[in-house]
């Protein structure tokens, strides 16, 4: 027989029923959560779609997508040899994940990083009292862009790189005048991104400028700039020290010589160059108008068969010397070539220009891709996750989504960066806004990373950092331009939700009495 007890109103109630009744605290917490969802519903809708697309992607391509560089990263997990064309920053991320999981877990973590980036961007926008609609729109590229989904499903370094960049933005911009701790954290995150992808080296310039101008003047400006600069150098110098211990010379990677040679070979005017006899064959004997892309000269061109390094020099030494001679002799041609590649990333469609790395490598395919000589079955057997499998109906859906509407048009990204620039320059109300310096940080960081990547070679894969930094720059820039300049930033709590109405529950009727 069930025990009963009397309530405050004198009516009996069983002990089991009493246990099932939620406490006022639990009901209050649920109401507050529901109020938050209703208040931020535009972002919630985008986030839910982002979760759904990532779930479909992970089921469609199991355990992961493997690119040419993926096999190199996986082989370095066992050797951790820094004297290679791949830096080890991403390898240090793979090692613990693969220790406790497999390739399926790797891409799962990367999808979670992508979702976390979207949340971080929205929270930061709320911190600066940006419109909920603008803040939600700023998360659409990272959460819904199919090229971002595809790279997260790849065993590649881009997702980790984006996460470190956004983490640095979050640390530096959380307070309009960042503390010493924030400068240290932001600088360390930017420094950690360099061994992941060395194109983030220019990111220290806008970070130092921001630290210099974001607070009171005098010697304190120099102190802030020095703090973030030293924090940036700590992981880089540490990595270079590890490189030196293995190679007996300072460095970050061995790929710079070949990558820069590819750029130089594409623009080199062999008739005007004064080259040593042992370097003359490095200049392609093909008219400039008929030369192929940088990727061919950097990775396929038979360089080793053409030249024999003199005694005391290596092939990389010859490539670096040839590159210096070309760049010094043709600086305007170099600037023109880099500018052309830079603006390719702002085209409406993701299409190929002559000589570019084909965009098909970053598009979903309805079959298991194998772009290199490595065997994906052997890789999955070694690292776990199951046999490579493609669920064709889901893969076809993702490809159709990517080819139709599931990408961010380049002109929108260009407008986003322009918004950040105009906000930083003080257009309209931004002239008296407190957000001018804040606008410059994501804007210049994004443009610097893209320009550094395009200096080596254009690839749609290298344009992905724009999906996280350009929308953030646009949200801050438009707010600075059109919002009342007397508003103080940040706004306190990242997400503010009105306290719900106090509720008193009647156990007799289960009907809330609102007060």
Protein backbone atom coordinates (compact mmCIF):
# COMPACT_ATOMS: atom_id res chain seq x y z
CA UNK A 1 0.00 0.00 0.00
CA UNK A 2 1.42 3.35 -1.05
CA UNK A 3 2.30 5.73 1.75
CA UNK A 4 0.63 9.09 1.72
CA UNK A 5 1.32 12.43 3.28
CA UNK A 6 -0.58 15.66 3.69
CA UNK A 7 0.24 18.77 1.72
CA UNK A 8 -0.03 22.34 2.94
CA UNK A 9 -3.62 22.50 1.74
CA UNK A 10 -4.56 19.39 3.75
CA UNK A 11 -4.97 17.07 0.78
CA UNK A 12 -3.22 13.66 0.89
CA UNK A 13 -0.54 12.87 -1.70
CA UNK A 14 1.49 9.70 -2.25
CA UNK A 15 5.25 9.80 -1.67
CA UNK A 16 5.95 8.68 -5.26
CA UNK A 17 3.84 11.54 -6.64
CA UNK A 18 5.63 13.95 -4.35
CA UNK A 19 8.99 12.81 -5.71
CA UNK A 20 7.80 13.35 -9.28
CA UNK A 21 6.84 16.95 -8.62
CA UNK A 22 9.61 19.25 -9.88
CA UNK A 23 11.03 21.60 -7.31
CA UNK A 24 10.46 25.35 -7.76
CA UNK A 25 14.21 25.75 -8.39
CA UNK A 26 14.14 23.18 -11.20
CA UNK A 27 11.06 24.77 -12.75
CA UNK A 28 12.67 28.19 -12.48
CA UNK A 29 15.78 26.90 -14.22
CA UNK A 30 13.75 25.35 -17.04
CA UNK A 31 11.77 28.54 -17.52
CA UNK A 32 14.97 30.56 -17.68
CA UNK A 33 16.42 28.18 -20.28
CA UNK A 34 13.26 28.36 -22.38
CA UNK A 35 13.32 32.17 -22.10
CA UNK A 36 16.91 32.19 -23.36
CA UNK A 37 15.98 29.99 -26.34
CA UNK A 38 13.05 32.25 -27.24
CA UNK A 39 15.18 35.39 -26.84
CA UNK A 40 17.97 34.06 -29.09
CA UNK A 41 15.86 31.97 -31.44
CA UNK A 42 17.49 33.21 -34.71
CA UNK A 43 20.84 31.82 -33.58
CA UNK A 44 19.23 28.67 -32.17
CA UNK A 45 17.68 27.93 -35.58
CA UNK A 46 21.03 28.38 -37.35
CA UNK A 47 22.81 26.29 -34.73
CA UNK A 48 20.31 23.42 -34.99
CA UNK A 49 20.72 23.33 -38.76
CA UNK A 50 24.49 23.34 -38.29
CA UNK A 51 24.28 20.36 -35.94
CA UNK A 52 22.01 18.50 -38.36
CA UNK A 53 24.32 19.08 -41.33
CA UNK A 54 27.32 17.86 -39.36
CA UNK A 55 25.44 14.75 -38.28
CA UNK A 56 24.56 14.01 -41.90
CA UNK A 57 28.17 14.60 -42.97
CA UNK A 58 29.59 12.26 -40.36
CA UNK A 59 27.15 9.50 -41.26
CA UNK A 60 27.63 9.99 -45.02
CA UNK A 61 31.44 9.69 -44.98
CA UNK A 62 32.76 7.20 -42.46
CA UNK A 63 35.08 7.26 -40.71
CA UNK A 64 36.63 10.39 -42.27
CA UNK A 65 37.72 11.99 -45.52
CA UNK A 66 41.41 11.58 -46.29
CA UNK A 67 43.33 14.04 -48.46
CA UNK A 68 46.95 13.76 -49.63
CA UNK A 69 48.19 15.71 -46.62
CA UNK A 70 46.08 13.59 -44.27
CA UNK A 71 48.36 10.59 -44.75
CA UNK A 72 51.40 12.75 -44.02
CA UNK A 73 49.87 14.02 -40.79
CA UNK A 74 48.99 10.47 -39.73
CA UNK A 75 52.50 9.19 -40.45
CA UNK A 76 53.96 12.04 -38.40
CA UNK A 77 51.87 10.96 -35.40
CA UNK A 78 54.27 8.03 -35.05
CA UNK A 79 57.53 9.86 -35.83
CA UNK A 80 56.89 13.51 -34.74
CA UNK A 81 59.77 14.48 -37.00
CA UNK A 82 59.61 18.27 -37.59
CA UNK A 83 62.00 18.22 -40.57
CA UNK A 84 59.22 17.71 -43.09
CA UNK A 85 56.95 19.77 -45.30
CA UNK A 86 54.19 19.59 -42.66
CA UNK A 87 54.42 21.49 -39.40
CA UNK A 88 53.53 19.45 -36.32
CA UNK A 89 50.93 21.69 -34.69
CA UNK A 90 48.04 19.62 -36.04
CA UNK A 91 49.94 16.40 -35.29
CA UNK A 92 50.08 17.37 -31.60
CA UNK A 93 46.29 17.64 -31.75
CA UNK A 94 45.89 14.28 -33.51
CA UNK A 95 48.15 12.33 -31.16
CA UNK A 96 45.99 12.43 -27.98
CA UNK A 97 42.73 12.09 -29.91
CA UNK A 98 43.96 8.98 -31.72
CA UNK A 99 45.32 7.60 -28.45
CA UNK A 100 41.84 7.47 -26.97
CA UNK A 101 39.79 7.19 -30.18
CA UNK A 102 40.05 6.74 -33.92
CA UNK A 103 39.53 8.66 -37.16
CA UNK A 104 35.79 8.88 -36.52
CA UNK A 105 36.51 10.56 -33.18
CA UNK A 106 38.97 12.97 -34.85
CA UNK A 107 36.37 14.39 -37.22
CA UNK A 108 33.75 14.35 -34.46
CA UNK A 109 36.01 16.60 -32.37
CA UNK A 110 36.56 18.82 -35.41
CA UNK A 111 32.81 19.17 -35.94
CA UNK A 112 32.48 20.12 -32.27
CA UNK A 113 35.19 22.75 -32.78
CA UNK A 114 33.24 24.13 -35.73
CA UNK A 115 30.09 24.38 -33.62
CA UNK A 116 32.08 25.93 -30.80
CA UNK A 117 33.42 28.59 -33.16
CA UNK A 118 29.85 29.52 -34.08
CA UNK A 119 28.88 29.80 -30.41
CA UNK A 120 31.98 31.88 -29.65
CA UNK A 121 31.21 34.34 -32.45
CA UNK A 122 27.61 34.75 -31.28
CA UNK A 123 28.57 35.17 -27.61
CA UNK A 124 31.15 37.79 -28.54
CA UNK A 125 28.57 39.66 -30.62
CA UNK A 126 26.14 39.61 -27.70
CA UNK A 127 28.93 40.91 -25.51
CA UNK A 128 29.07 44.01 -27.74
CA UNK A 129 25.27 44.47 -27.84
CA UNK A 130 25.08 43.63 -31.53
CA UNK A 131 21.62 42.93 -32.93
CA UNK A 132 20.54 39.31 -32.49
CA UNK A 133 19.82 39.09 -36.21
CA UNK A 134 23.24 40.42 -37.20
CA UNK A 135 24.94 38.16 -34.64
CA UNK A 136 23.06 35.10 -35.91
CA UNK A 137 23.91 36.03 -39.51
CA UNK A 138 27.60 36.24 -38.54
CA UNK A 139 27.51 32.55 -37.57
CA UNK A 140 25.88 31.30 -40.79
CA UNK A 141 29.15 30.88 -42.78
CA UNK A 142 30.90 28.77 -40.16
CA UNK A 143 27.81 26.73 -39.24
CA UNK A 144 26.19 26.17 -42.63
CA UNK A 145 28.87 26.50 -45.33
CA UNK A 146 29.34 23.13 -47.03
CA UNK A 147 33.04 23.76 -47.72
CA UNK A 148 33.51 24.18 -43.98
CA UNK A 149 31.61 20.94 -43.36
CA UNK A 150 33.80 19.15 -45.88
CA UNK A 151 37.07 20.35 -44.34
CA UNK A 152 35.86 19.41 -40.85
CA UNK A 153 35.25 15.88 -42.13
CA UNK A 154 38.81 15.81 -43.51
CA UNK A 155 41.79 14.88 -41.38
CA UNK A 156 43.26 18.32 -42.04
CA UNK A 157 44.52 21.23 -39.98
CA UNK A 158 42.10 23.98 -41.08
CA UNK A 159 39.45 23.47 -38.38
CA UNK A 160 41.99 23.59 -35.56
CA UNK A 161 43.56 26.66 -37.15
CA UNK A 162 40.22 28.46 -37.27
CA UNK A 163 39.49 27.52 -33.69
CA UNK A 164 42.79 29.00 -32.48
CA UNK A 165 42.18 32.24 -34.39
CA UNK A 166 38.68 32.67 -32.98
CA UNK A 167 39.91 31.74 -29.50
CA UNK A 168 42.48 34.54 -29.76
CA UNK A 169 39.78 36.99 -30.90
CA UNK A 170 37.59 35.95 -27.98
CA UNK A 171 40.38 36.46 -25.44
CA UNK A 172 41.47 39.84 -26.81
CA UNK A 173 38.01 41.29 -27.43
CA UNK A 174 36.18 40.01 -24.35
CA UNK A 175 37.00 43.32 -22.67
CA UNK A 176 37.35 46.48 -24.71
CA UNK A 177 40.57 47.09 -22.81
CA UNK A 178 42.10 43.62 -22.44
CA UNK A 179 43.89 42.74 -19.23
CA UNK A 180 47.43 41.42 -19.06
CA UNK A 181 46.04 37.90 -18.72
CA UNK A 182 43.89 38.36 -21.84
CA UNK A 183 46.91 39.62 -23.80
CA UNK A 184 48.93 36.61 -22.70
CA UNK A 185 46.18 34.14 -23.63
CA UNK A 186 45.48 35.84 -26.97
CA UNK A 187 49.17 35.97 -27.86
CA UNK A 188 49.72 32.33 -26.90
CA UNK A 189 46.76 31.18 -29.02
CA UNK A 190 48.03 33.13 -32.02
CA UNK A 191 51.50 31.71 -31.46
CA UNK A 192 50.14 28.17 -31.22
CA UNK A 193 48.40 28.66 -34.57
CA UNK A 194 51.76 29.15 -36.34
CA UNK A 195 52.92 25.50 -36.02
CA UNK A 196 49.45 24.53 -37.26
CA UNK A 197 49.67 26.79 -40.32
CA UNK A 198 52.58 29.17 -40.75
CA UNK A 199 50.43 31.66 -42.69
CA UNK A 200 49.26 33.00 -39.32
CA UNK A 201 52.64 34.68 -38.76
CA UNK A 202 51.30 38.07 -39.99
CA UNK A 203 48.49 37.90 -37.40
CA UNK A 204 50.82 39.25 -34.74
CA UNK A 205 50.96 42.65 -36.46
CA UNK A 206 47.28 43.64 -35.95
CA UNK A 207 47.36 42.03 -32.50
CA UNK A 208 50.30 44.19 -31.39
CA UNK A 209 48.70 47.31 -32.89
CA UNK A 210 45.43 46.53 -31.09
CA UNK A 211 47.24 46.04 -27.78
CA UNK A 212 49.05 49.35 -28.33
CA UNK A 213 45.93 51.45 -28.94
CA UNK A 214 43.29 49.72 -26.81
CA UNK A 215 44.10 51.42 -23.51
CA UNK A 216 45.77 54.34 -21.78
CA UNK A 217 48.91 55.81 -23.32
CA UNK A 218 52.46 56.27 -22.18
CA UNK A 219 54.71 53.39 -21.30
CA UNK A 220 51.70 51.20 -20.69
CA UNK A 221 51.10 51.05 -24.46
CA UNK A 222 54.57 49.61 -24.99
CA UNK A 223 54.04 47.21 -22.11
CA UNK A 224 50.83 45.84 -23.62
CA UNK A 225 52.40 45.48 -27.07
CA UNK A 226 55.45 43.74 -25.59
CA UNK A 227 53.26 41.39 -23.55
CA UNK A 228 51.30 40.05 -26.49
CA UNK A 229 54.41 39.96 -28.69
CA UNK A 230 56.36 37.88 -26.17
CA UNK A 231 53.40 35.56 -25.60
CA UNK A 232 53.20 35.08 -29.37
CA UNK A 233 56.89 34.17 -29.59
CA UNK A 234 56.91 31.60 -26.78
CA UNK A 235 55.31 28.66 -28.69
CA UNK A 236 57.09 29.62 -31.92
CA UNK A 237 60.54 29.72 -30.37
CA UNK A 238 59.79 26.49 -28.52
CA UNK A 239 58.81 24.77 -31.76
CA UNK A 240 61.85 26.15 -33.58
CA UNK A 241 64.04 24.84 -30.77
CA UNK A 242 62.57 21.38 -31.26
CA UNK A 243 63.17 21.73 -35.02
CA UNK A 244 66.80 22.67 -34.36
CA UNK A 245 67.30 19.64 -32.14
CA UNK A 246 66.40 17.42 -35.09
CA UNK A 247 67.81 19.37 -38.04
CA UNK A 248 70.76 21.30 -36.53
CA UNK A 249 69.36 24.56 -37.88
CA UNK A 250 66.52 26.89 -36.99
CA UNK A 251 63.29 26.54 -38.93
CA UNK A 252 59.60 25.74 -38.95
CA UNK A 253 59.19 23.62 -42.08
CA UNK A 254 61.01 22.46 -45.19
CA UNK A 255 58.14 23.34 -47.53
CA UNK A 256 58.93 27.06 -47.87
CA UNK A 257 61.62 26.52 -50.51
CA UNK A 258 59.41 24.48 -52.85
CA UNK A 259 56.29 26.60 -52.26
CA UNK A 260 58.07 29.89 -52.96
CA UNK A 261 59.86 28.36 -55.94
CA UNK A 262 56.46 27.53 -57.42
CA UNK A 263 55.48 31.21 -57.18
CA UNK A 264 58.82 32.34 -58.63
CA UNK A 265 58.79 29.83 -61.49
CA UNK A 266 55.37 31.00 -62.61
CA UNK A 267 56.44 34.63 -63.08
CA UNK A 268 60.19 34.31 -63.81
CA UNK A 269 61.39 36.17 -66.92
CA UNK A 270 64.32 33.99 -67.87
CA UNK A 271 65.78 36.50 -70.37
CA UNK A 272 66.28 39.24 -67.78
CA UNK A 273 67.51 37.05 -64.92
CA UNK A 274 71.20 36.74 -64.15
CA UNK A 275 71.54 33.23 -62.79
CA UNK A 276 74.51 31.02 -61.98
CA UNK A 277 75.00 28.24 -64.46
CA UNK A 278 73.79 25.60 -62.01
CA UNK A 279 70.49 27.47 -61.50
CA UNK A 280 69.61 28.27 -65.11
CA UNK A 281 67.58 25.12 -65.63
CA UNK A 282 65.37 26.10 -62.69
CA UNK A 283 63.82 28.78 -64.88
CA UNK A 284 61.11 27.08 -66.97
CA UNK A 285 61.86 27.25 -70.69
CA UNK A 286 58.19 27.84 -71.46
CA UNK A 287 56.65 31.18 -72.48
CA UNK A 288 55.03 33.00 -69.54
CA UNK A 289 51.58 32.83 -71.12
CA UNK A 290 51.74 29.05 -71.38
CA UNK A 291 53.05 28.19 -67.93
CA UNK A 292 50.90 26.06 -65.66
CA UNK A 293 49.99 26.75 -62.06
CA UNK A 294 52.11 27.12 -58.94
CA UNK A 295 51.07 23.71 -57.63
CA UNK A 296 52.76 22.00 -60.58
CA UNK A 297 56.10 23.77 -60.16
CA UNK A 298 56.06 23.37 -56.39
CA UNK A 299 55.20 19.66 -56.23
CA UNK A 300 55.39 17.98 -59.65
CA UNK A 301 58.08 19.76 -61.68
CA UNK A 302 61.18 17.46 -61.83
CA UNK A 303 63.51 19.88 -60.06
CA UNK A 304 65.91 17.28 -58.69
CA UNK A 305 66.53 15.89 -62.17
CA UNK A 306 67.31 19.31 -63.61
CA UNK A 307 69.96 20.68 -61.26
CA UNK A 308 72.88 19.39 -59.28
CA UNK A 309 73.69 21.52 -56.24
CA UNK A 310 77.33 22.56 -55.94
CA UNK A 311 79.38 21.27 -53.07
CA UNK A 312 78.26 22.61 -49.71
CA UNK A 313 74.72 23.50 -50.85
CA UNK A 314 71.43 21.64 -50.92
CA UNK A 315 68.58 21.70 -53.40
CA UNK A 316 66.56 23.85 -51.00
CA UNK A 317 69.41 26.37 -50.91
CA UNK A 318 69.29 26.64 -54.71
CA UNK A 319 65.52 27.05 -54.72
CA UNK A 320 65.67 29.81 -52.12
CA UNK A 321 68.42 31.63 -54.00
CA UNK A 322 66.53 31.38 -57.29
CA UNK A 323 63.37 32.68 -55.59
CA UNK A 324 65.22 35.68 -54.11
CA UNK A 325 66.66 36.59 -57.49
CA UNK A 326 63.25 36.43 -59.20
CA UNK A 327 61.46 38.44 -56.51
CA UNK A 328 64.22 41.05 -56.42
CA UNK A 329 64.26 41.35 -60.21
CA UNK A 330 60.45 41.38 -60.72
CA UNK A 331 58.78 42.94 -57.67
CA UNK A 332 55.87 44.39 -59.66
CA UNK A 333 55.17 41.06 -61.34
CA UNK A 334 55.17 39.44 -57.91
CA UNK A 335 52.72 42.00 -56.48
CA UNK A 336 50.44 41.59 -59.51
CA UNK A 337 50.42 37.79 -59.27
CA UNK A 338 49.68 37.81 -55.52
CA UNK A 339 46.94 40.44 -55.94
CA UNK A 340 45.26 38.39 -58.68
CA UNK A 341 45.25 35.29 -56.46
CA UNK A 342 44.05 37.32 -53.46
CA UNK A 343 40.95 38.59 -55.23
CA UNK A 344 40.12 35.15 -56.65
CA UNK A 345 38.78 34.27 -53.23
CA UNK A 346 36.06 36.92 -53.54
CA UNK A 347 34.44 35.53 -56.68
CA UNK A 348 30.79 34.61 -56.45
CA UNK A 349 31.17 30.93 -57.37
CA UNK A 350 33.83 28.48 -56.32
CA UNK A 351 35.32 27.95 -59.78
CA UNK A 352 38.81 27.16 -61.05
CA UNK A 353 41.10 29.55 -62.87
CA UNK A 354 43.85 28.26 -65.11
CA UNK A 355 46.54 26.54 -63.09
CA UNK A 356 44.67 26.58 -59.78
CA UNK A 357 44.38 23.60 -57.46
CA UNK A 358 41.07 22.09 -58.53
CA UNK A 359 38.15 22.97 -56.31
CA UNK A 360 36.82 19.41 -56.65
CA UNK A 361 39.22 18.40 -53.90
CA UNK A 362 37.09 20.39 -51.44
CA UNK A 363 33.71 19.28 -52.69
CA UNK A 364 31.66 16.32 -51.51
CA UNK A 365 31.83 13.35 -53.88
CA UNK A 366 29.45 10.35 -54.05
CA UNK A 367 32.34 7.90 -53.74
CA UNK A 368 35.45 7.24 -51.65
CA UNK A 369 38.13 9.64 -52.85
CA UNK A 370 41.78 8.65 -53.11
CA UNK A 371 43.91 11.50 -54.42
CA UNK A 372 47.31 10.12 -53.45
CA UNK A 373 49.20 6.87 -53.63
CA UNK A 374 48.24 5.89 -50.09
CA UNK A 375 45.56 3.32 -49.45
CA UNK A 376 42.59 4.66 -47.42
CA UNK A 377 41.69 1.11 -46.34
CA UNK A 378 45.16 0.61 -44.89
CA UNK A 379 44.97 3.96 -43.11
CA UNK A 380 41.62 3.21 -41.51
CA UNK A 381 42.83 -0.23 -40.50
CA UNK A 382 45.85 1.33 -38.82
CA UNK A 383 44.01 4.16 -37.05
CA UNK A 384 40.53 2.68 -36.60
CA UNK A 385 37.06 3.88 -37.38
CA UNK A 386 35.92 1.18 -39.78
CA UNK A 387 36.20 0.59 -43.49
CA UNK A 388 35.86 3.73 -45.68
CA UNK A 389 32.16 4.00 -46.48
CA UNK A 390 30.04 6.50 -48.40
CA UNK A 391 26.27 6.54 -47.92
CA UNK A 392 25.34 7.67 -51.42
CA UNK A 393 21.89 9.20 -50.74
CA UNK A 394 23.32 11.40 -47.98
CA UNK A 395 26.45 12.16 -50.01
CA UNK A 396 24.31 13.18 -52.98
CA UNK A 397 22.27 15.45 -50.72
CA UNK A 398 25.41 17.13 -49.36
CA UNK A 399 26.87 17.58 -52.82
CA UNK A 400 23.62 19.06 -54.13
CA UNK A 401 23.48 21.41 -51.14
CA UNK A 402 27.10 22.45 -51.67
CA UNK A 403 26.74 23.06 -55.40
CA UNK A 404 23.48 25.01 -55.16
CA UNK A 405 23.15 27.17 -52.04
CA UNK A 406 25.46 25.77 -49.39
CA UNK A 407 28.40 28.14 -49.77
CA UNK A 408 29.22 31.73 -48.89
CA UNK A 409 29.53 33.97 -51.99
CA UNK A 410 32.86 35.74 -52.21
CA UNK A 411 31.44 39.27 -52.69
CA UNK A 412 29.66 38.97 -49.33
CA UNK A 413 32.96 38.19 -47.63
CA UNK A 414 34.56 41.16 -49.37
CA UNK A 415 31.72 43.42 -48.18
CA UNK A 416 32.18 42.02 -44.68
CA UNK A 417 35.85 42.98 -44.63
CA UNK A 418 34.99 46.40 -46.07
CA UNK A 419 32.49 46.91 -43.25
CA UNK A 420 35.23 46.22 -40.74
CA UNK A 421 37.56 48.65 -42.52
CA UNK A 422 34.95 51.42 -42.70
CA UNK A 423 34.03 50.92 -39.06
CA UNK A 424 37.69 51.12 -38.11
CA UNK A 425 38.18 54.24 -40.22
CA UNK A 426 35.29 55.99 -38.45
CA UNK A 427 32.58 56.20 -41.10
CA UNK A 428 29.38 57.96 -39.94
CA UNK A 429 28.74 57.26 -36.24
CA UNK A 430 31.84 55.09 -35.99
CA UNK A 431 33.92 58.25 -35.79
CA UNK A 432 32.99 58.60 -32.10
CA UNK A 433 32.39 54.91 -31.43
CA UNK A 434 34.41 52.89 -28.94
CA UNK A 435 34.55 50.02 -31.44
CA UNK A 436 37.00 51.49 -33.93
CA UNK A 437 40.06 49.64 -32.61
CA UNK A 438 37.95 46.52 -32.03
CA UNK A 439 36.91 46.51 -35.72
CA UNK A 440 40.48 46.47 -36.92
CA UNK A 441 41.58 43.31 -35.09
CA UNK A 442 39.47 40.63 -36.89
CA UNK A 443 39.56 42.61 -40.14
CA UNK A 444 43.33 42.90 -40.44
CA UNK A 445 43.91 39.43 -38.99
CA UNK A 446 41.63 37.87 -41.62
CA UNK A 447 43.08 39.85 -44.50
CA UNK A 448 46.63 39.15 -43.34
CA UNK A 449 46.08 35.40 -43.11
CA UNK A 450 44.46 35.28 -46.56
CA UNK A 451 47.19 37.41 -48.12
CA UNK A 452 49.94 35.28 -46.58
CA UNK A 453 48.34 32.11 -47.93
CA UNK A 454 47.86 33.59 -51.40
CA UNK A 455 51.51 34.72 -51.43
CA UNK A 456 52.40 31.04 -51.67
CA UNK A 457 49.48 29.71 -53.70
CA UNK A 458 45.76 30.16 -54.19
CA UNK A 459 43.46 27.36 -53.11
CA UNK A 460 39.84 27.48 -52.00
CA UNK A 461 40.96 25.55 -48.95
CA UNK A 462 43.12 28.50 -47.90
CA UNK A 463 40.14 30.89 -48.03
CA UNK A 464 38.28 29.18 -45.17
CA UNK A 465 39.57 31.48 -42.37
CA UNK A 466 37.49 34.22 -44.00
CA UNK A 467 34.35 32.33 -42.94
CA UNK A 468 35.05 33.09 -39.28
CA UNK A 469 36.86 36.44 -39.33
CA UNK A 470 35.01 38.33 -42.09
CA UNK A 471 31.51 37.92 -40.52
CA UNK A 472 32.86 38.98 -37.11
CA UNK A 473 34.47 42.04 -38.69
CA UNK A 474 31.18 42.86 -40.45
CA UNK A 475 29.12 42.54 -37.25
CA UNK A 476 31.46 44.85 -35.35
CA UNK A 477 31.84 47.27 -38.26
CA UNK A 478 28.13 47.72 -38.98
CA UNK A 479 27.45 48.18 -35.26
CA UNK A 480 30.13 50.85 -35.01
CA UNK A 481 28.81 52.66 -38.09
CA UNK A 482 25.10 52.70 -37.25
CA UNK A 483 24.85 52.32 -33.45
CA UNK A 484 24.71 55.24 -31.03
CA UNK A 485 28.38 56.05 -30.28
CA UNK A 486 27.62 56.82 -26.62
CA UNK A 487 26.85 53.15 -25.91
CA UNK A 488 29.57 51.60 -23.77
CA UNK A 489 31.07 48.23 -24.69
CA UNK A 490 31.28 45.41 -23.69
CA UNK A 491 27.78 45.13 -22.30
CA UNK A 492 28.50 42.97 -19.25
CA UNK A 493 27.23 39.38 -19.39
CA UNK A 494 27.61 37.74 -22.76
CA UNK A 495 23.96 36.68 -22.99
CA UNK A 496 21.42 38.57 -20.96
CA UNK A 497 18.04 36.95 -20.30
CA UNK A 498 15.26 38.64 -18.41
CA UNK A 499 14.45 36.95 -15.12
CA UNK A 500 11.23 35.00 -15.50
CA UNK A 501 8.14 35.71 -13.49
CA UNK A 502 8.19 34.14 -10.04
CA UNK A 503 5.98 31.06 -9.94
CA UNK A 504 4.28 29.52 -6.95
CA UNK A 505 2.93 26.03 -7.54
CA UNK A 506 -0.29 24.70 -6.03
CA UNK A 507 0.11 20.96 -5.38
CA UNK A 508 -3.66 20.58 -5.35
CA UNK A 509 -4.21 21.73 -8.90
CA UNK A 510 -0.72 21.77 -10.50
CA UNK A 511 -1.65 25.22 -11.86
CA UNK A 512 0.97 27.95 -11.43
CA UNK A 513 -0.01 31.16 -9.69
CA UNK A 514 2.13 33.98 -11.19
CA UNK A 515 3.19 36.87 -8.98
